[in-house]
mmCIF file of all heavy atoms, coordinates in Angstrom:
data_MODEL
# 
_entry.id   MODEL 
# 
loop_
_atom_site.group_PDB 
_atom_site.id 
_atom_site.type_symbol 
_atom_site.label_atom_id 
_atom_site.label_alt_id 
_atom_site.label_comp_id 
_atom_site.label_asym_id 
_atom_site.label_entity_id 
_atom_site.label_seq_id 
_atom_site.pdbx_PDB_ins_code 
_atom_site.Cartn_x 
_atom_site.Cartn_y 
_atom_site.Cartn_z 
_atom_site.occupancy 
_atom_site.B_iso_or_equiv 
_atom_site.pdbx_formal_charge 
_atom_site.auth_seq_id 
_atom_site.auth_comp_id 
_atom_site.auth_asym_id 
_atom_site.auth_atom_id 
_atom_site.pdbx_PDB_model_num 
ATOM 1   N N   . VAL A 1 1  ? 20.477 -81.911 -28.900 1.00 0.00 ? 1  VAL A N   1 
ATOM 2   C CA  . VAL A 1 1  ? 21.865 -81.785 -28.450 1.00 0.00 ? 1  VAL A CA  1 
ATOM 3   C C   . VAL A 1 1  ? 22.287 -80.333 -28.662 1.00 0.00 ? 1  VAL A C   1 
ATOM 4   O O   . VAL A 1 1  ? 22.478 -79.886 -29.794 1.00 0.00 ? 1  VAL A O   1 
ATOM 5   C CB  . VAL A 1 1  ? 22.802 -82.740 -29.212 1.00 0.00 ? 1  VAL A CB  1 
ATOM 6   C CG1 . VAL A 1 1  ? 24.256 -82.499 -28.810 1.00 0.00 ? 1  VAL A CG1 1 
ATOM 7   C CG2 . VAL A 1 1  ? 22.416 -84.189 -28.940 1.00 0.00 ? 1  VAL A CG2 1 
ATOM 8   N N   . HIS A 1 2  ? 22.371 -79.594 -27.564 1.00 0.00 ? 2  HIS A N   1 
ATOM 9   C CA  . HIS A 1 2  ? 22.864 -78.212 -27.595 1.00 0.00 ? 2  HIS A CA  1 
ATOM 10  C C   . HIS A 1 2  ? 24.251 -78.108 -26.966 1.00 0.00 ? 2  HIS A C   1 
ATOM 11  O O   . HIS A 1 2  ? 24.865 -77.040 -27.004 1.00 0.00 ? 2  HIS A O   1 
ATOM 12  C CB  . HIS A 1 2  ? 21.929 -77.284 -26.809 1.00 0.00 ? 2  HIS A CB  1 
ATOM 13  C CG  . HIS A 1 2  ? 20.621 -77.008 -27.468 1.00 0.00 ? 2  HIS A CG  1 
ATOM 14  N ND1 . HIS A 1 2  ? 19.461 -77.671 -27.143 1.00 0.00 ? 2  HIS A ND1 1 
ATOM 15  C CD2 . HIS A 1 2  ? 20.270 -76.121 -28.434 1.00 0.00 ? 2  HIS A CD2 1 
ATOM 16  C CE1 . HIS A 1 2  ? 18.454 -77.208 -27.865 1.00 0.00 ? 2  HIS A CE1 1 
ATOM 17  N NE2 . HIS A 1 2  ? 18.919 -76.273 -28.660 1.00 0.00 ? 2  HIS A NE2 1 
ATOM 18  N N   . TRP A 1 3  ? 24.701 -79.205 -26.374 1.00 0.00 ? 3  TRP A N   1 
ATOM 19  C CA  . TRP A 1 3  ? 25.944 -79.197 -25.607 1.00 0.00 ? 3  TRP A CA  1 
ATOM 20  C C   . TRP A 1 3  ? 26.777 -80.408 -26.011 1.00 0.00 ? 3  TRP A C   1 
ATOM 21  O O   . TRP A 1 3  ? 26.286 -81.534 -25.983 1.00 0.00 ? 3  TRP A O   1 
ATOM 22  C CB  . TRP A 1 3  ? 25.657 -79.274 -24.104 1.00 0.00 ? 3  TRP A CB  1 
ATOM 23  C CG  . TRP A 1 3  ? 24.628 -78.305 -23.636 1.00 0.00 ? 3  TRP A CG  1 
ATOM 24  C CD1 . TRP A 1 3  ? 23.263 -78.424 -23.761 1.00 0.00 ? 3  TRP A CD1 1 
ATOM 25  C CD2 . TRP A 1 3  ? 24.860 -77.058 -22.984 1.00 0.00 ? 3  TRP A CD2 1 
ATOM 26  N NE1 . TRP A 1 3  ? 22.646 -77.339 -23.213 1.00 0.00 ? 3  TRP A NE1 1 
ATOM 27  C CE2 . TRP A 1 3  ? 23.589 -76.474 -22.726 1.00 0.00 ? 3  TRP A CE2 1 
ATOM 28  C CE3 . TRP A 1 3  ? 26.016 -76.392 -22.584 1.00 0.00 ? 3  TRP A CE3 1 
ATOM 29  C CZ2 . TRP A 1 3  ? 23.458 -75.243 -22.088 1.00 0.00 ? 3  TRP A CZ2 1 
ATOM 30  C CZ3 . TRP A 1 3  ? 25.872 -75.166 -21.935 1.00 0.00 ? 3  TRP A CZ3 1 
ATOM 31  C CH2 . TRP A 1 3  ? 24.617 -74.603 -21.700 1.00 0.00 ? 3  TRP A CH2 1 
ATOM 32  N N   . VAL A 1 4  ? 28.019 -80.201 -26.377 1.00 0.00 ? 4  VAL A N   1 
ATOM 33  C CA  . VAL A 1 4  ? 28.925 -81.301 -26.694 1.00 0.00 ? 4  VAL A CA  1 
ATOM 34  C C   . VAL A 1 4  ? 29.899 -81.448 -25.531 1.00 0.00 ? 4  VAL A C   1 
ATOM 35  O O   . VAL A 1 4  ? 30.711 -80.551 -25.273 1.00 0.00 ? 4  VAL A O   1 
ATOM 36  C CB  . VAL A 1 4  ? 29.694 -81.048 -28.005 1.00 0.00 ? 4  VAL A CB  1 
ATOM 37  C CG1 . VAL A 1 4  ? 30.774 -82.098 -28.213 1.00 0.00 ? 4  VAL A CG1 1 
ATOM 38  C CG2 . VAL A 1 4  ? 28.722 -81.055 -29.191 1.00 0.00 ? 4  VAL A CG2 1 
ATOM 39  N N   . ASP A 1 5  ? 29.758 -82.554 -24.825 1.00 0.00 ? 5  ASP A N   1 
ATOM 40  C CA  . ASP A 1 5  ? 30.573 -82.771 -23.622 1.00 0.00 ? 5  ASP A CA  1 
ATOM 41  C C   . ASP A 1 5  ? 30.521 -81.554 -22.707 1.00 0.00 ? 5  ASP A C   1 
ATOM 42  O O   . ASP A 1 5  ? 31.549 -81.058 -22.225 1.00 0.00 ? 5  ASP A O   1 
ATOM 43  C CB  . ASP A 1 5  ? 32.011 -83.128 -24.003 1.00 0.00 ? 5  ASP A CB  1 
ATOM 44  C CG  . ASP A 1 5  ? 32.101 -84.452 -24.739 1.00 0.00 ? 5  ASP A CG  1 
ATOM 45  O OD1 . ASP A 1 5  ? 31.279 -85.338 -24.455 1.00 0.00 ? 5  ASP A OD1 1 
ATOM 46  O OD2 . ASP A 1 5  ? 32.976 -84.592 -25.618 1.00 0.00 ? 5  ASP A OD2 1 
ATOM 47  N N   . ASN A 1 6  ? 29.293 -81.075 -22.492 1.00 0.00 ? 6  ASN A N   1 
ATOM 48  C CA  . ASN A 1 6  ? 28.977 -79.989 -21.556 1.00 0.00 ? 6  ASN A CA  1 
ATOM 49  C C   . ASN A 1 6  ? 29.392 -78.599 -22.044 1.00 0.00 ? 6  ASN A C   1 
ATOM 50  O O   . ASN A 1 6  ? 29.270 -77.621 -21.305 1.00 0.00 ? 6  ASN A O   1 
ATOM 51  C CB  . ASN A 1 6  ? 29.600 -80.253 -20.179 1.00 0.00 ? 6  ASN A CB  1 
ATOM 52  C CG  . ASN A 1 6  ? 29.222 -81.615 -19.642 1.00 0.00 ? 6  ASN A CG  1 
ATOM 53  O OD1 . ASN A 1 6  ? 28.043 -81.951 -19.567 1.00 0.00 ? 6  ASN A OD1 1 
ATOM 54  N ND2 . ASN A 1 6  ? 30.212 -82.423 -19.298 1.00 0.00 ? 6  ASN A ND2 1 
ATOM 55  N N   . TRP A 1 7  ? 29.826 -78.487 -23.292 1.00 0.00 ? 7  TRP A N   1 
ATOM 56  C CA  . TRP A 1 7  ? 30.221 -77.204 -23.881 1.00 0.00 ? 7  TRP A CA  1 
ATOM 57  C C   . TRP A 1 7  ? 29.171 -76.748 -24.880 1.00 0.00 ? 7  TRP A C   1 
ATOM 58  O O   . TRP A 1 7  ? 28.724 -77.525 -25.723 1.00 0.00 ? 7  TRP A O   1 
ATOM 59  C CB  . TRP A 1 7  ? 31.577 -77.348 -24.589 1.00 0.00 ? 7  TRP A CB  1 
ATOM 60  C CG  . TRP A 1 7  ? 31.953 -76.165 -25.437 1.00 0.00 ? 7  TRP A CG  1 
ATOM 61  C CD1 . TRP A 1 7  ? 32.324 -74.925 -25.008 1.00 0.00 ? 7  TRP A CD1 1 
ATOM 62  C CD2 . TRP A 1 7  ? 32.000 -76.118 -26.877 1.00 0.00 ? 7  TRP A CD2 1 
ATOM 63  N NE1 . TRP A 1 7  ? 32.590 -74.105 -26.093 1.00 0.00 ? 7  TRP A NE1 1 
ATOM 64  C CE2 . TRP A 1 7  ? 32.401 -74.823 -27.248 1.00 0.00 ? 7  TRP A CE2 1 
ATOM 65  C CE3 . TRP A 1 7  ? 31.731 -77.055 -27.881 1.00 0.00 ? 7  TRP A CE3 1 
ATOM 66  C CZ2 . TRP A 1 7  ? 32.547 -74.430 -28.580 1.00 0.00 ? 7  TRP A CZ2 1 
ATOM 67  C CZ3 . TRP A 1 7  ? 31.875 -76.670 -29.211 1.00 0.00 ? 7  TRP A CZ3 1 
ATOM 68  C CH2 . TRP A 1 7  ? 32.281 -75.367 -29.544 1.00 0.00 ? 7  TRP A CH2 1 
ATOM 69  N N   . THR A 1 8  ? 28.733 -75.488 -24.764 1.00 0.00 ? 8  THR A N   1 
ATOM 70  C CA  . THR A 1 8  ? 27.726 -74.971 -25.683 1.00 0.00 ? 8  THR A CA  1 
ATOM 71  C C   . THR A 1 8  ? 28.379 -74.554 -26.998 1.00 0.00 ? 8  THR A C   1 
ATOM 72  O O   . THR A 1 8  ? 29.289 -73.725 -27.015 1.00 0.00 ? 8  THR A O   1 
ATOM 73  C CB  . THR A 1 8  ? 26.965 -73.780 -25.080 1.00 0.00 ? 8  THR A CB  1 
ATOM 74  O OG1 . THR A 1 8  ? 26.013 -73.300 -26.036 1.00 0.00 ? 8  THR A OG1 1 
ATOM 75  C CG2 . THR A 1 8  ? 27.878 -72.640 -24.673 1.00 0.00 ? 8  THR A CG2 1 
ATOM 76  N N   . PHE A 1 9  ? 27.911 -75.131 -28.085 1.00 0.00 ? 9  PHE A N   1 
ATOM 77  C CA  . PHE A 1 9  ? 28.519 -74.852 -29.394 1.00 0.00 ? 9  PHE A CA  1 
ATOM 78  C C   . PHE A 1 9  ? 27.715 -73.881 -30.237 1.00 0.00 ? 9  PHE A C   1 
ATOM 79  O O   . PHE A 1 9  ? 28.213 -73.329 -31.212 1.00 0.00 ? 9  PHE A O   1 
ATOM 80  C CB  . PHE A 1 9  ? 28.695 -76.155 -30.185 1.00 0.00 ? 9  PHE A CB  1 
ATOM 81  C CG  . PHE A 1 9  ? 27.402 -76.851 -30.522 1.00 0.00 ? 9  PHE A CG  1 
ATOM 82  C CD1 . PHE A 1 9  ? 26.652 -76.487 -31.627 1.00 0.00 ? 9  PHE A CD1 1 
ATOM 83  C CD2 . PHE A 1 9  ? 26.913 -77.864 -29.698 1.00 0.00 ? 9  PHE A CD2 1 
ATOM 84  C CE1 . PHE A 1 9  ? 25.450 -77.123 -31.921 1.00 0.00 ? 9  PHE A CE1 1 
ATOM 85  C CE2 . PHE A 1 9  ? 25.710 -78.500 -29.990 1.00 0.00 ? 9  PHE A CE2 1 
ATOM 86  C CZ  . PHE A 1 9  ? 24.973 -78.130 -31.097 1.00 0.00 ? 9  PHE A CZ  1 
ATOM 87  N N   . ASN A 1 10 ? 26.449 -73.651 -29.879 1.00 0.00 ? 10 ASN A N   1 
ATOM 88  C CA  . ASN A 1 10 ? 25.585 -72.899 -30.793 1.00 0.00 ? 10 ASN A CA  1 
ATOM 89  C C   . ASN A 1 10 ? 25.286 -71.469 -30.369 1.00 0.00 ? 10 ASN A C   1 
ATOM 90  O O   . ASN A 1 10 ? 24.677 -70.719 -31.116 1.00 0.00 ? 10 ASN A O   1 
ATOM 91  C CB  . ASN A 1 10 ? 24.256 -73.648 -31.000 1.00 0.00 ? 10 ASN A CB  1 
ATOM 92  C CG  . ASN A 1 10 ? 23.389 -73.651 -29.756 1.00 0.00 ? 10 ASN A CG  1 
ATOM 93  O OD1 . ASN A 1 10 ? 23.821 -74.078 -28.695 1.00 0.00 ? 10 ASN A OD1 1 
ATOM 94  N ND2 . ASN A 1 10 ? 22.154 -73.176 -29.879 1.00 0.00 ? 10 ASN A ND2 1 
ATOM 95  N N   . GLN A 1 11 ? 25.723 -71.059 -29.197 1.00 0.00 ? 11 GLN A N   1 
ATOM 96  C CA  . GLN A 1 11 ? 25.342 -69.726 -28.738 1.00 0.00 ? 11 GLN A CA  1 
ATOM 97  C C   . GLN A 1 11 ? 26.198 -68.615 -29.357 1.00 0.00 ? 11 GLN A C   1 
ATOM 98  O O   . GLN A 1 11 ? 25.688 -67.581 -29.753 1.00 0.00 ? 11 GLN A O   1 
ATOM 99  C CB  . GLN A 1 11 ? 25.390 -69.658 -27.212 1.00 0.00 ? 11 GLN A CB  1 
ATOM 100 C CG  . GLN A 1 11 ? 24.317 -70.535 -26.574 1.00 0.00 ? 11 GLN A CG  1 
ATOM 101 C CD  . GLN A 1 11 ? 24.146 -70.248 -25.090 1.00 0.00 ? 11 GLN A CD  1 
ATOM 102 O OE1 . GLN A 1 11 ? 24.448 -69.157 -24.618 1.00 0.00 ? 11 GLN A OE1 1 
ATOM 103 N NE2 . GLN A 1 11 ? 23.663 -71.229 -24.349 1.00 0.00 ? 11 GLN A NE2 1 
ATOM 104 N N   . ARG A 1 12 ? 27.511 -68.816 -29.454 1.00 0.00 ? 12 ARG A N   1 
ATOM 105 C CA  . ARG A 1 12 ? 28.395 -67.795 -29.995 1.00 0.00 ? 12 ARG A CA  1 
ATOM 106 C C   . ARG A 1 12 ? 29.466 -68.457 -30.877 1.00 0.00 ? 12 ARG A C   1 
ATOM 107 O O   . ARG A 1 12 ? 30.147 -69.383 -30.448 1.00 0.00 ? 12 ARG A O   1 
ATOM 108 C CB  . ARG A 1 12 ? 29.098 -67.010 -28.871 1.00 0.00 ? 12 ARG A CB  1 
ATOM 109 C CG  . ARG A 1 12 ? 28.172 -66.270 -27.920 1.00 0.00 ? 12 ARG A CG  1 
ATOM 110 C CD  . ARG A 1 12 ? 27.525 -65.061 -28.588 1.00 0.00 ? 12 ARG A CD  1 
ATOM 111 N NE  . ARG A 1 12 ? 26.737 -64.280 -27.637 1.00 0.00 ? 12 ARG A NE  1 
ATOM 112 C CZ  . ARG A 1 12 ? 25.467 -64.489 -27.350 1.00 0.00 ? 12 ARG A CZ  1 
ATOM 113 N NH1 . ARG A 1 12 ? 24.812 -65.499 -27.939 1.00 0.00 ? 12 ARG A NH1 1 
ATOM 114 N NH2 . ARG A 1 12 ? 24.819 -63.721 -26.494 1.00 0.00 ? 12 ARG A NH2 1 
ATOM 115 N N   . LYS A 1 13 ? 29.643 -67.928 -32.090 1.00 0.00 ? 13 LYS A N   1 
ATOM 116 C CA  . LYS A 1 13 ? 30.610 -68.519 -33.010 1.00 0.00 ? 13 LYS A CA  1 
ATOM 117 C C   . LYS A 1 13 ? 32.033 -68.417 -32.477 1.00 0.00 ? 13 LYS A C   1 
ATOM 118 O O   . LYS A 1 13 ? 32.846 -69.329 -32.657 1.00 0.00 ? 13 LYS A O   1 
ATOM 119 C CB  . LYS A 1 13 ? 30.507 -67.850 -34.382 1.00 0.00 ? 13 LYS A CB  1 
ATOM 120 C CG  . LYS A 1 13 ? 31.378 -68.508 -35.450 1.00 0.00 ? 13 LYS A CG  1 
ATOM 121 C CD  . LYS A 1 13 ? 31.132 -67.910 -36.828 1.00 0.00 ? 13 LYS A CD  1 
ATOM 122 C CE  . LYS A 1 13 ? 31.978 -68.622 -37.889 1.00 0.00 ? 13 LYS A CE  1 
ATOM 123 N NZ  . LYS A 1 13 ? 31.697 -68.085 -39.250 1.00 0.00 ? 13 LYS A NZ  1 
ATOM 124 N N   . TYR A 1 14 ? 32.349 -67.309 -31.794 1.00 0.00 ? 14 TYR A N   1 
ATOM 125 C CA  . TYR A 1 14 ? 33.727 -67.119 -31.320 1.00 0.00 ? 14 TYR A CA  1 
ATOM 126 C C   . TYR A 1 14 ? 34.146 -68.203 -30.329 1.00 0.00 ? 14 TYR A C   1 
ATOM 127 O O   . TYR A 1 14 ? 35.346 -68.447 -30.114 1.00 0.00 ? 14 TYR A O   1 
ATOM 128 C CB  . TYR A 1 14 ? 33.898 -65.735 -30.690 1.00 0.00 ? 14 TYR A CB  1 
ATOM 129 C CG  . TYR A 1 14 ? 33.270 -65.558 -29.328 1.00 0.00 ? 14 TYR A CG  1 
ATOM 130 C CD1 . TYR A 1 14 ? 33.923 -66.011 -28.165 1.00 0.00 ? 14 TYR A CD1 1 
ATOM 131 C CD2 . TYR A 1 14 ? 32.043 -64.931 -29.177 1.00 0.00 ? 14 TYR A CD2 1 
ATOM 132 C CE1 . TYR A 1 14 ? 33.350 -65.852 -26.913 1.00 0.00 ? 14 TYR A CE1 1 
ATOM 133 C CE2 . TYR A 1 14 ? 31.464 -64.770 -27.925 1.00 0.00 ? 14 TYR A CE2 1 
ATOM 134 C CZ  . TYR A 1 14 ? 32.117 -65.230 -26.802 1.00 0.00 ? 14 TYR A CZ  1 
ATOM 135 O OH  . TYR A 1 14 ? 31.550 -65.075 -25.564 1.00 0.00 ? 14 TYR A OH  1 
ATOM 136 N N   . GLN A 1 15 ? 33.162 -68.882 -29.740 1.00 0.00 ? 15 GLN A N   1 
ATOM 137 C CA  . GLN A 1 15 ? 33.497 -69.929 -28.775 1.00 0.00 ? 15 GLN A CA  1 
ATOM 138 C C   . GLN A 1 15 ? 34.178 -71.129 -29.431 1.00 0.00 ? 15 GLN A C   1 
ATOM 139 O O   . GLN A 1 15 ? 34.740 -71.974 -28.747 1.00 0.00 ? 15 GLN A O   1 
ATOM 140 C CB  . GLN A 1 15 ? 32.232 -70.364 -28.031 1.00 0.00 ? 15 GLN A CB  1 
ATOM 141 C CG  . GLN A 1 15 ? 31.657 -69.270 -27.134 1.00 0.00 ? 15 GLN A CG  1 
ATOM 142 C CD  . GLN A 1 15 ? 30.278 -69.604 -26.594 1.00 0.00 ? 15 GLN A CD  1 
ATOM 143 O OE1 . GLN A 1 15 ? 29.431 -70.121 -27.310 1.00 0.00 ? 15 GLN A OE1 1 
ATOM 144 N NE2 . GLN A 1 15 ? 30.044 -69.295 -25.331 1.00 0.00 ? 15 GLN A NE2 1 
ATOM 145 N N   . TRP A 1 16 ? 34.110 -71.192 -30.758 1.00 0.00 ? 16 TRP A N   1 
ATOM 146 C CA  . TRP A 1 16 ? 34.768 -72.276 -31.493 1.00 0.00 ? 16 TRP A CA  1 
ATOM 147 C C   . TRP A 1 16 ? 36.264 -72.027 -31.696 1.00 0.00 ? 16 TRP A C   1 
ATOM 148 O O   . TRP A 1 16 ? 36.983 -72.921 -32.130 1.00 0.00 ? 16 TRP A O   1 
ATOM 149 C CB  . TRP A 1 16 ? 34.115 -72.456 -32.861 1.00 0.00 ? 16 TRP A CB  1 
ATOM 150 C CG  . TRP A 1 16 ? 32.783 -73.135 -32.836 1.00 0.00 ? 16 TRP A CG  1 
ATOM 151 C CD1 . TRP A 1 16 ? 31.609 -72.630 -32.386 1.00 0.00 ? 16 TRP A CD1 1 
ATOM 152 C CD2 . TRP A 1 16 ? 32.484 -74.457 -33.315 1.00 0.00 ? 16 TRP A CD2 1 
ATOM 153 N NE1 . TRP A 1 16 ? 30.588 -73.539 -32.549 1.00 0.00 ? 16 TRP A NE1 1 
ATOM 154 C CE2 . TRP A 1 16 ? 31.095 -74.671 -33.123 1.00 0.00 ? 16 TRP A CE2 1 
ATOM 155 C CE3 . TRP A 1 16 ? 33.242 -75.467 -33.907 1.00 0.00 ? 16 TRP A CE3 1 
ATOM 156 C CZ2 . TRP A 1 16 ? 30.460 -75.850 -33.472 1.00 0.00 ? 16 TRP A CZ2 1 
ATOM 157 C CZ3 . TRP A 1 16 ? 32.608 -76.643 -34.269 1.00 0.00 ? 16 TRP A CZ3 1 
ATOM 158 C CH2 . TRP A 1 16 ? 31.237 -76.839 -34.055 1.00 0.00 ? 16 TRP A CH2 1 
ATOM 159 N N   . LEU A 1 17 ? 36.733 -70.827 -31.410 1.00 0.00 ? 17 LEU A N   1 
ATOM 160 C CA  . LEU A 1 17 ? 38.145 -70.511 -31.622 1.00 0.00 ? 17 LEU A CA  1 
ATOM 161 C C   . LEU A 1 17 ? 39.027 -71.475 -30.824 1.00 0.00 ? 17 LEU A C   1 
ATOM 162 O O   . LEU A 1 17 ? 38.841 -71.660 -29.625 1.00 0.00 ? 17 LEU A O   1 
ATOM 163 C CB  . LEU A 1 17 ? 38.441 -69.067 -31.183 1.00 0.00 ? 17 LEU A CB  1 
ATOM 164 C CG  . LEU A 1 17 ? 37.865 -67.960 -32.077 1.00 0.00 ? 17 LEU A CG  1 
ATOM 165 C CD1 . LEU A 1 17 ? 38.043 -66.594 -31.422 1.00 0.00 ? 17 LEU A CD1 1 
ATOM 166 C CD2 . LEU A 1 17 ? 38.527 -67.986 -33.447 1.00 0.00 ? 17 LEU A CD2 1 
ATOM 167 N N   . GLY A 1 18 ? 39.962 -72.106 -31.529 1.00 0.00 ? 18 GLY A N   1 
ATOM 168 C CA  . GLY A 1 18 ? 40.863 -73.043 -30.884 1.00 0.00 ? 18 GLY A CA  1 
ATOM 169 C C   . GLY A 1 18 ? 40.300 -74.437 -30.699 1.00 0.00 ? 18 GLY A C   1 
ATOM 170 O O   . GLY A 1 18 ? 40.986 -75.316 -30.172 1.00 0.00 ? 18 GLY A O   1 
ATOM 171 N N   . LYS A 1 19 ? 39.058 -74.656 -31.134 1.00 0.00 ? 19 LYS A N   1 
ATOM 172 C CA  . LYS A 1 19 ? 38.434 -75.969 -30.986 1.00 0.00 ? 19 LYS A CA  1 
ATOM 173 C C   . LYS A 1 19 ? 38.743 -76.864 -32.187 1.00 0.00 ? 19 LYS A C   1 
ATOM 174 O O   . LYS A 1 19 ? 38.943 -76.385 -33.305 1.00 0.00 ? 19 LYS A O   1 
ATOM 175 C CB  . LYS A 1 19 ? 36.911 -75.823 -30.844 1.00 0.00 ? 19 LYS A CB  1 
ATOM 176 C CG  . LYS A 1 19 ? 36.457 -75.059 -29.614 1.00 0.00 ? 19 LYS A CG  1 
ATOM 177 C CD  . LYS A 1 19 ? 36.641 -75.865 -28.344 1.00 0.00 ? 19 LYS A CD  1 
ATOM 178 C CE  . LYS A 1 19 ? 36.041 -75.154 -27.147 1.00 0.00 ? 19 LYS A CE  1 
ATOM 179 N NZ  . LYS A 1 19 ? 36.186 -75.944 -25.899 1.00 0.00 ? 19 LYS A NZ  1 
ATOM 180 N N   . ASP A 1 20 ? 38.768 -78.158 -31.945 1.00 0.00 ? 20 ASP A N   1 
ATOM 181 C CA  . ASP A 1 20 ? 38.970 -79.156 -32.995 1.00 0.00 ? 20 ASP A CA  1 
ATOM 182 C C   . ASP A 1 20 ? 37.608 -79.471 -33.617 1.00 0.00 ? 20 ASP A C   1 
ATOM 183 O O   . ASP A 1 20 ? 36.808 -80.211 -33.034 1.00 0.00 ? 20 ASP A O   1 
ATOM 184 C CB  . ASP A 1 20 ? 39.604 -80.414 -32.381 1.00 0.00 ? 20 ASP A CB  1 
ATOM 185 C CG  . ASP A 1 20 ? 39.925 -81.493 -33.412 1.00 0.00 ? 20 ASP A CG  1 
ATOM 186 O OD1 . ASP A 1 20 ? 39.313 -81.475 -34.504 1.00 0.00 ? 20 ASP A OD1 1 
ATOM 187 O OD2 . ASP A 1 20 ? 40.769 -82.361 -33.117 1.00 0.00 ? 20 ASP A OD2 1 
ATOM 188 N N   . VAL A 1 21 ? 37.349 -78.897 -34.787 1.00 0.00 ? 21 VAL A N   1 
ATOM 189 C CA  . VAL A 1 21 ? 36.038 -79.030 -35.426 1.00 0.00 ? 21 VAL A CA  1 
ATOM 190 C C   . VAL A 1 21 ? 35.705 -80.490 -35.713 1.00 0.00 ? 21 VAL A C   1 
ATOM 191 O O   . VAL A 1 21 ? 34.581 -80.945 -35.496 1.00 0.00 ? 21 VAL A O   1 
ATOM 192 C CB  . VAL A 1 21 ? 35.973 -78.187 -36.716 1.00 0.00 ? 21 VAL A CB  1 
ATOM 193 C CG1 . VAL A 1 21 ? 34.650 -78.423 -37.457 1.00 0.00 ? 21 VAL A CG1 1 
ATOM 194 C CG2 . VAL A 1 21 ? 36.135 -76.706 -36.383 1.00 0.00 ? 21 VAL A CG2 1 
ATOM 195 N N   . ASN A 1 22 ? 36.682 -81.238 -36.195 1.00 0.00 ? 22 ASN A N   1 
ATOM 196 C CA  . ASN A 1 22 ? 36.442 -82.659 -36.498 1.00 0.00 ? 22 ASN A CA  1 
ATOM 197 C C   . ASN A 1 22 ? 36.007 -83.420 -35.253 1.00 0.00 ? 22 ASN A C   1 
ATOM 198 O O   . ASN A 1 22 ? 35.068 -84.229 -35.298 1.00 0.00 ? 22 ASN A O   1 
ATOM 199 C CB  . ASN A 1 22 ? 37.698 -83.298 -37.084 1.00 0.00 ? 22 ASN A CB  1 
ATOM 200 C CG  . ASN A 1 22 ? 37.921 -82.924 -38.535 1.00 0.00 ? 22 ASN A CG  1 
ATOM 201 O OD1 . ASN A 1 22 ? 37.136 -82.182 -39.124 1.00 0.00 ? 22 ASN A OD1 1 
ATOM 202 N ND2 . ASN A 1 22 ? 38.998 -83.411 -39.123 1.00 0.00 ? 22 ASN A ND2 1 
ATOM 203 N N   . HIS A 1 23 ? 36.687 -83.172 -34.154 1.00 0.00 ? 23 HIS A N   1 
ATOM 204 C CA  . HIS A 1 23 ? 36.361 -83.870 -32.901 1.00 0.00 ? 23 HIS A CA  1 
ATOM 205 C C   . HIS A 1 23 ? 34.971 -83.478 -32.415 1.00 0.00 ? 23 HIS A C   1 
ATOM 206 O O   . HIS A 1 23 ? 34.196 -84.346 -31.960 1.00 0.00 ? 23 HIS A O   1 
ATOM 207 C CB  . HIS A 1 23 ? 37.391 -83.536 -31.825 1.00 0.00 ? 23 HIS A CB  1 
ATOM 208 C CG  . HIS A 1 23 ? 37.054 -84.117 -30.479 1.00 0.00 ? 23 HIS A CG  1 
ATOM 209 N ND1 . HIS A 1 23 ? 37.138 -85.467 -30.203 1.00 0.00 ? 23 HIS A ND1 1 
ATOM 210 C CD2 . HIS A 1 23 ? 36.581 -83.524 -29.338 1.00 0.00 ? 23 HIS A CD2 1 
ATOM 211 C CE1 . HIS A 1 23 ? 36.754 -85.684 -28.955 1.00 0.00 ? 23 HIS A CE1 1 
ATOM 212 N NE2 . HIS A 1 23 ? 36.422 -84.528 -28.417 1.00 0.00 ? 23 HIS A NE2 1 
ATOM 213 N N   . ILE A 1 24 ? 34.626 -82.200 -32.509 1.00 0.00 ? 24 ILE A N   1 
ATOM 214 C CA  . ILE A 1 24 ? 33.316 -81.738 -32.046 1.00 0.00 ? 24 ILE A CA  1 
ATOM 215 C C   . ILE A 1 24 ? 32.204 -82.391 -32.861 1.00 0.00 ? 24 ILE A C   1 
ATOM 216 O O   . ILE A 1 24 ? 31.196 -82.848 -32.302 1.00 0.00 ? 24 ILE A O   1 
ATOM 217 C CB  . ILE A 1 24 ? 33.232 -80.203 -32.129 1.00 0.00 ? 24 ILE A CB  1 
ATOM 218 C CG1 . ILE A 1 24 ? 34.182 -79.576 -31.102 1.00 0.00 ? 24 ILE A CG1 1 
ATOM 219 C CG2 . ILE A 1 24 ? 31.796 -79.725 -31.885 1.00 0.00 ? 24 ILE A CG2 1 
ATOM 220 C CD1 . ILE A 1 24 ? 34.403 -78.093 -31.285 1.00 0.00 ? 24 ILE A CD1 1 
ATOM 221 N N   . TYR A 1 25 ? 32.385 -82.452 -34.173 1.00 0.00 ? 25 TYR A N   1 
ATOM 222 C CA  . TYR A 1 25 ? 31.380 -83.108 -35.017 1.00 0.00 ? 25 TYR A CA  1 
ATOM 223 C C   . TYR A 1 25 ? 31.250 -84.586 -34.668 1.00 0.00 ? 25 TYR A C   1 
ATOM 224 O O   . TYR A 1 25 ? 30.140 -85.130 -34.602 1.00 0.00 ? 25 TYR A O   1 
ATOM 225 C CB  . TYR A 1 25 ? 31.742 -82.950 -36.496 1.00 0.00 ? 25 TYR A CB  1 
ATOM 226 C CG  . TYR A 1 25 ? 31.032 -81.799 -37.174 1.00 0.00 ? 25 TYR A CG  1 
ATOM 227 C CD1 . TYR A 1 25 ? 31.491 -80.490 -37.011 1.00 0.00 ? 25 TYR A CD1 1 
ATOM 228 C CD2 . TYR A 1 25 ? 29.909 -81.999 -37.957 1.00 0.00 ? 25 TYR A CD2 1 
ATOM 229 C CE1 . TYR A 1 25 ? 30.849 -79.421 -37.624 1.00 0.00 ? 25 TYR A CE1 1 
ATOM 230 C CE2 . TYR A 1 25 ? 29.255 -80.949 -38.570 1.00 0.00 ? 25 TYR A CE2 1 
ATOM 231 C CZ  . TYR A 1 25 ? 29.724 -79.664 -38.400 1.00 0.00 ? 25 TYR A CZ  1 
ATOM 232 O OH  . TYR A 1 25 ? 29.075 -78.621 -39.005 1.00 0.00 ? 25 TYR A OH  1 
ATOM 233 N N   . LYS A 1 26 ? 32.355 -85.242 -34.452 1.00 0.00 ? 26 LYS A N   1 
ATOM 234 C CA  . LYS A 1 26 ? 32.330 -86.666 -34.107 1.00 0.00 ? 26 LYS A CA  1 
ATOM 235 C C   . LYS A 1 26 ? 31.546 -86.892 -32.820 1.00 0.00 ? 26 LYS A C   1 
ATOM 236 O O   . LYS A 1 26 ? 30.668 -87.758 -32.745 1.00 0.00 ? 26 LYS A O   1 
ATOM 237 C CB  . LYS A 1 26 ? 33.756 -87.200 -33.966 1.00 0.00 ? 26 LYS A CB  1 
ATOM 238 C CG  . LYS A 1 26 ? 33.859 -88.684 -33.644 1.00 0.00 ? 26 LYS A CG  1 
ATOM 239 C CD  . LYS A 1 26 ? 35.320 -89.123 -33.673 1.00 0.00 ? 26 LYS A CD  1 
ATOM 240 C CE  . LYS A 1 26 ? 35.463 -90.609 -33.376 1.00 0.00 ? 26 LYS A CE  1 
ATOM 241 N NZ  . LYS A 1 26 ? 35.132 -90.943 -31.969 1.00 0.00 ? 26 LYS A NZ  1 
# 
């Protein structure tokens, strides 16, 4: 799993800005 609901989470840390971490982990 490199993509969460079609969004890449592992390529760049800044892409997490504004994201709901709890929801992404779930």
